Amino acid sequence: PRHDRDRLLDAAVDLACEDGPAAV
């Protein structure tokens, strides 16, 4: 799958680090 679970969670990690948990 192009958008597998880990890739989506990696994107979530980046968002949390850059703008905090509320950005996820």
PDB file of all heavy atoms in Angstrom:
ATOM      1  N   PRO A   1       0.831  -1.208   0.000  1.00  0.00           N
ATOM      2  CA  PRO A   1       0.000   0.000   0.000  1.00  0.00           C
ATOM      3  C   PRO A   1       0.860   1.251   0.000  1.00  0.00           C
ATOM      4  O   PRO A   1       1.874   1.321   0.699  1.00  0.00           O
ATOM      5  CB  PRO A   1      -0.815  -0.131   1.287  1.00  0.00           C
ATOM      6  CG  PRO A   1      -0.058  -1.084   2.141  1.00  0.00           C
ATOM      7  CD  PRO A   1       0.624  -2.031   1.202  1.00  0.00           C
ATOM      8  N   ARG A   2       0.442   2.220  -0.813  1.00  0.00           N
ATOM      9  CA  ARG A   2       1.235   3.443  -0.930  1.00  0.00           C
ATOM     10  C   ARG A   2       1.245   4.223   0.379  1.00  0.00           C
ATOM     11  O   ARG A   2       2.250   4.834   0.740  1.00  0.00           O
ATOM     12  CB  ARG A   2       0.642   4.308  -2.048  1.00  0.00           C
ATOM     13  CG  ARG A   2       1.382   5.614  -2.260  1.00  0.00           C
ATOM     14  CD  ARG A   2       0.734   6.445  -3.344  1.00  0.00           C
ATOM     15  NE  ARG A   2       1.375   7.736  -3.463  1.00  0.00           N
ATOM     16  CZ  ARG A   2       0.896   8.741  -4.209  1.00  0.00           C
ATOM     17  NH1 ARG A   2      -0.236   8.573  -4.884  1.00  0.00           N
ATOM     18  NH2 ARG A   2       1.529   9.884  -4.266  1.00  0.00           N
ATOM     19  N   HIS A   3       0.113   4.209   1.074  1.00  0.00           N
ATOM     20  CA  HIS A   3       0.002   4.969   2.314  1.00  0.00           C
ATOM     21  C   HIS A   3      -0.179   3.986   3.464  1.00  0.00           C
ATOM     22  O   HIS A   3      -1.264   3.847   4.024  1.00  0.00           O
ATOM     23  CB  HIS A   3      -1.162   5.952   2.235  1.00  0.00           C
ATOM     24  CG  HIS A   3      -1.094   6.861   1.046  1.00  0.00           C
ATOM     25  ND1 HIS A   3      -0.081   7.782   0.878  1.00  0.00           N
ATOM     26  CD2 HIS A   3      -1.895   6.967  -0.050  1.00  0.00           C
ATOM     27  CE1 HIS A   3      -0.275   8.439  -0.266  1.00  0.00           C
ATOM     28  NE2 HIS A   3      -1.358   7.962  -0.839  1.00  0.00           N
ATOM     29  N   ASP A   4       0.908   3.278   3.784  1.00  0.00           N
ATOM     30  CA  ASP A   4       0.782   2.274   4.821  1.00  0.00           C
ATOM     31  C   ASP A   4       0.780   2.922   6.205  1.00  0.00           C
ATOM     32  O   ASP A   4       1.008   4.122   6.366  1.00  0.00           O
ATOM     33  CB  ASP A   4       1.870   1.207   4.701  1.00  0.00           C
ATOM     34  CG  ASP A   4       3.274   1.755   4.939  1.00  0.00           C
ATOM     35  OD1 ASP A   4       3.416   2.851   5.501  1.00  0.00           O
ATOM     36  OD2 ASP A   4       4.237   1.065   4.559  1.00  0.00           O
ATOM     37  N   ARG A   5       0.514   2.100   7.197  1.00  0.00           N
ATOM     38  CA  ARG A   5       0.337   2.570   8.571  1.00  0.00           C
ATOM     39  C   ARG A   5       1.583   3.299   9.086  1.00  0.00           C
ATOM     40  O   ARG A   5       1.480   4.379   9.676  1.00  0.00           O
ATOM     41  CB  ARG A   5       0.000   1.355   9.446  1.00  0.00           C
ATOM     42  CG  ARG A   5      -0.322   1.663  10.888  1.00  0.00           C
ATOM     43  CD  ARG A   5      -0.611   0.368  11.638  1.00  0.00           C
ATOM     44  NE  ARG A   5      -0.909   0.610  13.023  1.00  0.00           N
ATOM     45  CZ  ARG A   5      -2.112   0.848  13.501  1.00  0.00           C
ATOM     46  NH1 ARG A   5      -3.146   0.879  12.669  1.00  0.00           N
ATOM     47  NH2 ARG A   5      -2.305   1.048  14.784  1.00  0.00           N
ATOM     48  N   ASP A   6       2.749   2.721   8.868  1.00  0.00           N
ATOM     49  CA  ASP A   6       3.965   3.332   9.397  1.00  0.00           C
ATOM     50  C   ASP A   6       4.262   4.671   8.731  1.00  0.00           C
ATOM     51  O   ASP A   6       4.736   5.601   9.390  1.00  0.00           O
ATOM     52  CB  ASP A   6       5.153   2.385   9.233  1.00  0.00           C
ATOM     53  CG  ASP A   6       5.214   1.327  10.322  1.00  0.00           C
ATOM     54  OD1 ASP A   6       4.756   1.607  11.446  1.00  0.00           O
ATOM     55  OD2 ASP A   6       5.694   0.220  10.051  1.00  0.00           O
ATOM     56  N   ARG A   7       4.019   4.768   7.440  1.00  0.00           N
ATOM     57  CA  ARG A   7       4.267   6.044   6.770  1.00  0.00           C
ATOM     58  C   ARG A   7       3.362   7.135   7.335  1.00  0.00           C
ATOM     59  O   ARG A   7       3.800   8.272   7.541  1.00  0.00           O
ATOM     60  CB  ARG A   7       4.040   5.896   5.271  1.00  0.00           C
ATOM     61  CG  ARG A   7       4.271   7.209   4.523  1.00  0.00           C
ATOM     62  CD  ARG A   7       4.142   7.058   3.028  1.00  0.00           C
ATOM     63  NE  ARG A   7       4.245   8.357   2.368  1.00  0.00           N
ATOM     64  CZ  ARG A   7       4.142   8.544   1.062  1.00  0.00           C
ATOM     65  NH1 ARG A   7       3.966   7.517   0.270  1.00  0.00           N
ATOM     66  NH2 ARG A   7       4.241   9.746   0.546  1.00  0.00           N
ATOM     67  N   LEU A   8       2.117   6.806   7.588  1.00  0.00           N
ATOM     68  CA  LEU A   8       1.190   7.784   8.161  1.00  0.00           C
ATOM     69  C   LEU A   8       1.620   8.173   9.578  1.00  0.00           C
ATOM     70  O   LEU A   8       1.565   9.345   9.954  1.00  0.00           O
ATOM     71  CB  LEU A   8      -0.225   7.214   8.163  1.00  0.00           C
ATOM     72  CG  LEU A   8      -0.841   6.968   6.783  1.00  0.00           C
ATOM     73  CD1 LEU A   8      -2.182   6.254   6.920  1.00  0.00           C
ATOM     74  CD2 LEU A   8      -1.008   8.271   6.005  1.00  0.00           C
ATOM     75  N   LEU A   9       2.069   7.200  10.346  1.00  0.00           N
ATOM     76  CA  LEU A   9       2.511   7.506  11.708  1.00  0.00           C
ATOM     77  C   LEU A   9       3.814   8.304  11.703  1.00  0.00           C
ATOM     78  O   LEU A   9       4.038   9.148  12.573  1.00  0.00           O
ATOM     79  CB  LEU A   9       2.659   6.222  12.517  1.00  0.00           C
ATOM     80  CG  LEU A   9       1.343   5.513  12.861  1.00  0.00           C
ATOM     81  CD1 LEU A   9       1.613   4.224  13.638  1.00  0.00           C
ATOM     82  CD2 LEU A   9       0.418   6.428  13.656  1.00  0.00           C
ATOM     83  N   ASP A  10       4.677   8.044  10.733  1.00  0.00           N
ATOM     84  CA  ASP A  10       5.888   8.864  10.602  1.00  0.00           C
ATOM     85  C   ASP A  10       5.517  10.321  10.358  1.00  0.00           C
ATOM     86  O   ASP A  10       6.140  11.243  10.918  1.00  0.00           O
ATOM     87  CB  ASP A  10       6.757   8.352   9.456  1.00  0.00           C
ATOM     88  CG  ASP A  10       7.425   7.016   9.758  1.00  0.00           C
ATOM     89  OD1 ASP A  10       7.488   6.632  10.943  1.00  0.00           O
ATOM     90  OD2 ASP A  10       7.875   6.353   8.805  1.00  0.00           O
ATOM     91  N   ALA A  11       4.518  10.548   9.519  1.00  0.00           N
ATOM     92  CA  ALA A  11       4.059  11.918   9.268  1.00  0.00           C
ATOM     93  C   ALA A  11       3.493  12.526  10.543  1.00  0.00           C
ATOM     94  O   ALA A  11       3.709  13.717  10.827  1.00  0.00           O
ATOM     95  CB  ALA A  11       3.007  11.923   8.163  1.00  0.00           C
ATOM     96  N   ALA A  12       2.800  11.724  11.345  1.00  0.00           N
ATOM     97  CA  ALA A  12       2.244  12.212  12.606  1.00  0.00           C
ATOM     98  C   ALA A  12       3.349  12.593  13.588  1.00  0.00           C
ATOM     99  O   ALA A  12       3.242  13.597  14.307  1.00  0.00           O
ATOM    100  CB  ALA A  12       1.330  11.158  13.210  1.00  0.00           C
ATOM    101  N   VAL A  13       4.412  11.805  13.630  1.00  0.00           N
ATOM    102  CA  VAL A  13       5.556  12.127  14.486  1.00  0.00           C
ATOM    103  C   VAL A  13       6.133  13.486  14.099  1.00  0.00           C
ATOM    104  O   VAL A  13       6.408  14.338  14.962  1.00  0.00           O
ATOM    105  CB  VAL A  13       6.640  11.037  14.394  1.00  0.00           C
ATOM    106  CG1 VAL A  13       7.942  11.507  15.038  1.00  0.00           C
ATOM    107  CG2 VAL A  13       6.167   9.760  15.052  1.00  0.00           C
ATOM    108  N   ASP A  14       6.310  13.712  12.812  1.00  0.00           N
ATOM    109  CA  ASP A  14       6.861  14.983  12.345  1.00  0.00           C
ATOM    110  C   ASP A  14       5.970  16.154  12.758  1.00  0.00           C
ATOM    111  O   ASP A  14       6.458  17.199  13.203  1.00  0.00           O
ATOM    112  CB  ASP A  14       7.029  14.964  10.822  1.00  0.00           C
ATOM    113  CG  ASP A  14       8.147  14.027  10.371  1.00  0.00           C
ATOM    114  OD1 ASP A  14       8.991  13.671  11.208  1.00  0.00           O
ATOM    115  OD2 ASP A  14       8.155  13.657   9.189  1.00  0.00           O
ATOM    116  N   LEU A  15       4.673  15.987  12.613  1.00  0.00           N
ATOM    117  CA  LEU A  15       3.748  17.057  12.987  1.00  0.00           C
ATOM    118  C   LEU A  15       3.824  17.354  14.484  1.00  0.00           C
ATOM    119  O   LEU A  15       3.840  18.518  14.896  1.00  0.00           O
ATOM    120  CB  LEU A  15       2.316  16.656  12.616  1.00  0.00           C
ATOM    121  CG  LEU A  15       1.977  16.675  11.128  1.00  0.00           C
ATOM    122  CD1 LEU A  15       0.639  15.956  10.892  1.00  0.00           C
ATOM    123  CD2 LEU A  15       1.898  18.109  10.612  1.00  0.00           C
ATOM    124  N   ALA A  16       3.874  16.302  15.292  1.00  0.00           N
ATOM    125  CA  ALA A  16       3.936  16.489  16.740  1.00  0.00           C
ATOM    126  C   ALA A  16       5.209  17.214  17.154  1.00  0.00           C
ATOM    127  O   ALA A  16       5.190  18.074  18.045  1.00  0.00           O
ATOM    128  CB  ALA A  16       3.839  15.141  17.446  1.00  0.00           C
ATOM    129  N   CYS A  17       6.321  16.871  16.501  1.00  0.00           N
ATOM    130  CA  CYS A  17       7.598  17.494  16.849  1.00  0.00           C
ATOM    131  C   CYS A  17       7.657  18.950  16.399  1.00  0.00           C
ATOM    132  O   CYS A  17       8.242  19.794  17.075  1.00  0.00           O
ATOM    133  CB  CYS A  17       8.749  16.711  16.235  1.00  0.00           C
ATOM    134  SG  CYS A  17       9.005  15.111  17.001  1.00  0.00           S
ATOM    135  N   GLU A  18       7.065  19.243  15.266  1.00  0.00           N
ATOM    136  CA  GLU A  18       7.162  20.590  14.722  1.00  0.00           C
ATOM    137  C   GLU A  18       6.169  21.563  15.368  1.00  0.00           C
ATOM    138  O   GLU A  18       6.507  22.720  15.632  1.00  0.00           O
ATOM    139  CB  GLU A  18       6.933  20.552  13.208  1.00  0.00           C
ATOM    140  CG  GLU A  18       8.083  19.871  12.461  1.00  0.00           C
ATOM    141  CD  GLU A  18       7.705  19.479  11.043  1.00  0.00           C
ATOM    142  OE1 GLU A  18       6.590  19.857  10.587  1.00  0.00           O
ATOM    143  OE2 GLU A  18       8.506  18.784  10.393  1.00  0.00           O
ATOM    144  N   ASP A  19       4.952  21.072  15.650  1.00  0.00           N
ATOM    145  CA  ASP A  19       3.911  21.985  16.119  1.00  0.00           C
ATOM    146  C   ASP A  19       3.155  21.493  17.345  1.00  0.00           C
ATOM    147  O   ASP A  19       2.149  22.095  17.725  1.00  0.00           O
ATOM    148  CB  ASP A  19       2.909  22.257  14.978  1.00  0.00           C
ATOM    149  CG  ASP A  19       3.571  22.938  13.787  1.00  0.00           C
ATOM    150  OD1 ASP A  19       4.234  23.967  13.987  1.00  0.00           O
ATOM    151  OD2 ASP A  19       3.447  22.421  12.667  1.00  0.00           O
ATOM    152  N   GLY A  20       3.598  20.415  17.957  1.00  0.00           N
ATOM    153  CA  GLY A  20       2.952  19.919  19.159  1.00  0.00           C
ATOM    154  C   GLY A  20       1.866  18.900  18.865  1.00  0.00           C
ATOM    155  O   GLY A  20       1.396  18.782  17.733  1.00  0.00           O
ATOM    156  N   PRO A  21       1.444  18.163  19.893  1.00  0.00           N
ATOM    157  CA  PRO A  21       0.449  17.108  19.710  1.00  0.00           C
ATOM    158  C   PRO A  21      -0.866  17.603  19.114  1.00  0.00           C
ATOM    159  O   PRO A  21      -1.532  16.862  18.379  1.00  0.00           O
ATOM    160  CB  PRO A  21       0.239  16.576  21.133  1.00  0.00           C
ATOM    161  CG  PRO A  21       1.525  16.862  21.829  1.00  0.00           C
ATOM    162  CD  PRO A  21       1.990  18.170  21.267  1.00  0.00           C
ATOM    163  N   ALA A  22      -1.264  18.828  19.413  1.00  0.00           N
ATOM    164  CA  ALA A  22      -2.536  19.343  18.892  1.00  0.00           C
ATOM    165  C   ALA A  22      -2.540  19.428  17.372  1.00  0.00           C
ATOM    166  O   ALA A  22      -3.605  19.474  16.748  1.00  0.00           O
ATOM    167  CB  ALA A  22      -2.829  20.714  19.490  1.00  0.00           C
ATOM    168  N   ALA A  23      -1.354  19.452  16.762  1.00  0.00           N
ATOM    169  CA  ALA A  23      -1.259  19.547  15.302  1.00  0.00           C
ATOM    170  C   ALA A  23      -1.539  18.213  14.623  1.00  0.00           C
ATOM    171  O   ALA A  23      -1.702  18.167  13.401  1.00  0.00           O
ATOM    172  CB  ALA A  23       0.130  20.034  14.905  1.00  0.00           C
ATOM    173  N   VAL A  24      -1.596  17.131  15.397  1.00  0.00           N
ATOM    174  CA  VAL A  24      -1.795  15.808  14.813  1.00  0.00           C
ATOM    175  C   VAL A  24      -3.288  15.561  14.641  1.00  0.00           C
ATOM    176  O   VAL A  24      -3.981  15.103  15.563  1.00  0.00           O
ATOM    177  CB  VAL A  24      -1.159  14.705  15.679  1.00  0.00           C
ATOM    178  CG1 VAL A  24      -1.326  13.340  14.998  1.00  0.00           C
ATOM    179  CG2 VAL A  24       0.311  14.992  15.918  1.00  0.00           C
TER     180      VAL A  24
END
